[in-house]
Amino acid sequence: MRLCIAGNADAARRDEFSTGVDDADTFRRLPKDYSGGIWTNEIETIARLTGR
């Protein structure tokens, strides 16, 4: 089974659209050993943070 992280859950609870993992602060909340998918609208930003 694979897990995909999709961003701000608080926004989803308020019926707002989750923008995904789009910034360094949100990305750094993921566990160091996280190996699932990431939903993002800022692929260039997240790619730099992963070192890829």
N, C-alpha and C. Protein backbone atom coordinates (compact mmCIF):
# COMPACT_ATOMS: atom_id res chain seq x y z
N MET A 1 0.83 -1.17 0.00
CA MET A 1 0.00 0.00 0.00
C MET A 1 0.88 1.24 0.00
N ARG A 2 0.50 2.26 -0.77
CA ARG A 2 1.23 3.53 -0.84
C ARG A 2 0.34 4.65 -0.30
N LEU A 3 0.96 5.61 0.32
CA LEU A 3 0.27 6.75 0.88
C LEU A 3 0.65 7.99 0.08
N CYS A 4 -0.32 8.86 -0.17
CA CYS A 4 -0.05 10.12 -0.86
C CYS A 4 -0.49 11.27 0.04
N ILE A 5 0.43 12.17 0.37
CA ILE A 5 0.14 13.32 1.21
C ILE A 5 -0.39 14.44 0.32
N ALA A 6 -1.51 15.07 0.76
CA ALA A 6 -2.17 16.06 -0.09
C ALA A 6 -2.27 17.45 0.52
N GLY A 7 -1.57 17.75 1.57
CA GLY A 7 -1.55 19.12 2.07
C GLY A 7 -2.36 19.36 3.32
N ASN A 8 -2.88 20.56 3.45
CA ASN A 8 -3.50 21.08 4.66
C ASN A 8 -4.86 20.44 4.94
N ALA A 9 -4.92 19.58 5.94
CA ALA A 9 -6.17 18.91 6.30
C ALA A 9 -7.17 19.89 6.91
N ASP A 10 -6.69 20.93 7.57
CA ASP A 10 -7.61 21.92 8.13
C ASP A 10 -8.42 22.59 7.03
N ALA A 11 -7.82 22.86 5.90
CA ALA A 11 -8.54 23.46 4.78
C ALA A 11 -9.63 22.51 4.30
N ALA A 12 -9.33 21.23 4.25
CA ALA A 12 -10.32 20.25 3.81
C ALA A 12 -11.51 20.19 4.76
N ARG A 13 -11.24 20.31 6.05
CA ARG A 13 -12.34 20.30 7.03
C ARG A 13 -13.27 21.50 6.88
N ARG A 14 -12.74 22.61 6.36
CA ARG A 14 -13.55 23.81 6.15
C ARG A 14 -14.14 23.84 4.73
N ASP A 15 -14.09 22.71 4.03
CA ASP A 15 -14.58 22.60 2.64
C ASP A 15 -13.81 23.51 1.69
N GLU A 16 -12.55 23.75 2.00
CA GLU A 16 -11.68 24.50 1.10
C GLU A 16 -10.79 23.51 0.36
N PHE A 17 -10.31 23.89 -0.78
CA PHE A 17 -9.44 23.04 -1.57
C PHE A 17 -8.05 22.99 -0.96
N SER A 18 -7.53 21.79 -0.78
CA SER A 18 -6.16 21.62 -0.31
C SER A 18 -5.21 21.86 -1.48
N THR A 19 -4.26 22.75 -1.30
CA THR A 19 -3.32 23.06 -2.37
C THR A 19 -2.19 22.05 -2.47
N GLY A 20 -2.03 21.23 -1.48
CA GLY A 20 -0.97 20.24 -1.50
C GLY A 20 0.22 20.66 -0.67
N VAL A 21 1.29 19.91 -0.81
CA VAL A 21 2.55 20.19 -0.12
C VAL A 21 3.32 21.14 -1.04
N ASP A 22 3.14 22.45 -0.84
CA ASP A 22 3.66 23.43 -1.77
C ASP A 22 4.78 24.31 -1.23
N ASP A 23 5.18 24.10 0.03
CA ASP A 23 6.23 24.96 0.59
C ASP A 23 7.15 24.15 1.51
N ALA A 24 8.27 24.76 1.86
CA ALA A 24 9.28 24.08 2.67
C ALA A 24 8.76 23.70 4.05
N ASP A 25 7.98 24.58 4.67
CA ASP A 25 7.47 24.28 6.02
C ASP A 25 6.60 23.04 6.03
N THR A 26 5.70 22.94 5.07
CA THR A 26 4.82 21.76 4.98
C THR A 26 5.62 20.51 4.67
N PHE A 27 6.56 20.62 3.74
CA PHE A 27 7.39 19.47 3.36
C PHE A 27 8.20 18.96 4.54
N ARG A 28 8.74 19.85 5.33
CA ARG A 28 9.59 19.45 6.47
C ARG A 28 8.81 18.79 7.59
N ARG A 29 7.51 18.87 7.56
CA ARG A 29 6.68 18.16 8.55
C ARG A 29 6.61 16.66 8.27
N LEU A 30 6.93 16.25 7.06
CA LEU A 30 6.89 14.83 6.72
C LEU A 30 8.01 14.09 7.47
N PRO A 31 7.77 12.85 7.87
CA PRO A 31 8.83 12.08 8.52
C PRO A 31 10.03 11.91 7.58
N LYS A 32 11.21 11.88 8.14
CA LYS A 32 12.44 11.75 7.33
C LYS A 32 12.41 10.51 6.43
N ASP A 33 11.77 9.44 6.90
CA ASP A 33 11.75 8.19 6.12
C ASP A 33 10.49 8.04 5.27
N TYR A 34 9.73 9.11 5.07
CA TYR A 34 8.51 9.03 4.26
C TYR A 34 8.86 8.66 2.82
N SER A 35 8.15 7.68 2.26
CA SER A 35 8.46 7.22 0.91
C SER A 35 7.24 7.15 0.00
N GLY A 36 6.14 7.77 0.43
CA GLY A 36 4.93 7.76 -0.38
C GLY A 36 4.90 8.90 -1.38
N GLY A 37 3.75 9.13 -1.95
CA GLY A 37 3.58 10.20 -2.92
C GLY A 37 3.33 11.54 -2.25
N ILE A 38 3.52 12.61 -3.01
CA ILE A 38 3.27 13.97 -2.52
C ILE A 38 2.47 14.70 -3.58
N TRP A 39 1.32 15.25 -3.17
CA TRP A 39 0.52 16.09 -4.05
C TRP A 39 1.04 17.52 -3.92
N THR A 40 1.42 18.14 -5.03
CA THR A 40 1.95 19.50 -4.98
C THR A 40 1.62 20.26 -6.25
N ASN A 41 1.48 21.56 -6.11
CA ASN A 41 1.35 22.46 -7.25
C ASN A 41 2.66 23.20 -7.50
N GLU A 42 3.67 22.88 -6.70
CA GLU A 42 4.98 23.56 -6.78
C GLU A 42 6.09 22.52 -6.89
N ILE A 43 6.07 21.77 -7.98
CA ILE A 43 7.02 20.65 -8.14
C ILE A 43 8.47 21.11 -8.11
N GLU A 44 8.77 22.29 -8.65
CA GLU A 44 10.15 22.77 -8.64
C GLU A 44 10.63 23.01 -7.21
N THR A 45 9.79 23.59 -6.39
CA THR A 45 10.14 23.85 -4.99
C THR A 45 10.37 22.55 -4.23
N ILE A 46 9.45 21.61 -4.37
CA ILE A 46 9.56 20.34 -3.65
C ILE A 46 10.74 19.53 -4.18
N ALA A 47 10.99 19.56 -5.46
CA ALA A 47 12.13 18.82 -6.02
C ALA A 47 13.44 19.32 -5.43
N ARG A 48 13.59 20.63 -5.30
CA ARG A 48 14.81 21.18 -4.67
C ARG A 48 14.97 20.69 -3.25
N LEU A 49 13.87 20.62 -2.51
CA LEU A 49 13.93 20.18 -1.12
C LEU A 49 14.29 18.71 -0.99
N THR A 50 13.94 17.90 -1.98
CA THR A 50 14.28 16.47 -1.92
C THR A 50 15.68 16.20 -2.43
N GLY A 51 16.29 17.18 -3.07
CA GLY A 51 17.64 16.98 -3.63
C GLY A 51 17.61 16.26 -4.96
N ARG A 52 16.46 16.24 -5.60
CA ARG A 52 16.35 15.55 -6.90
C ARG A 52 16.17 16.54 -8.02
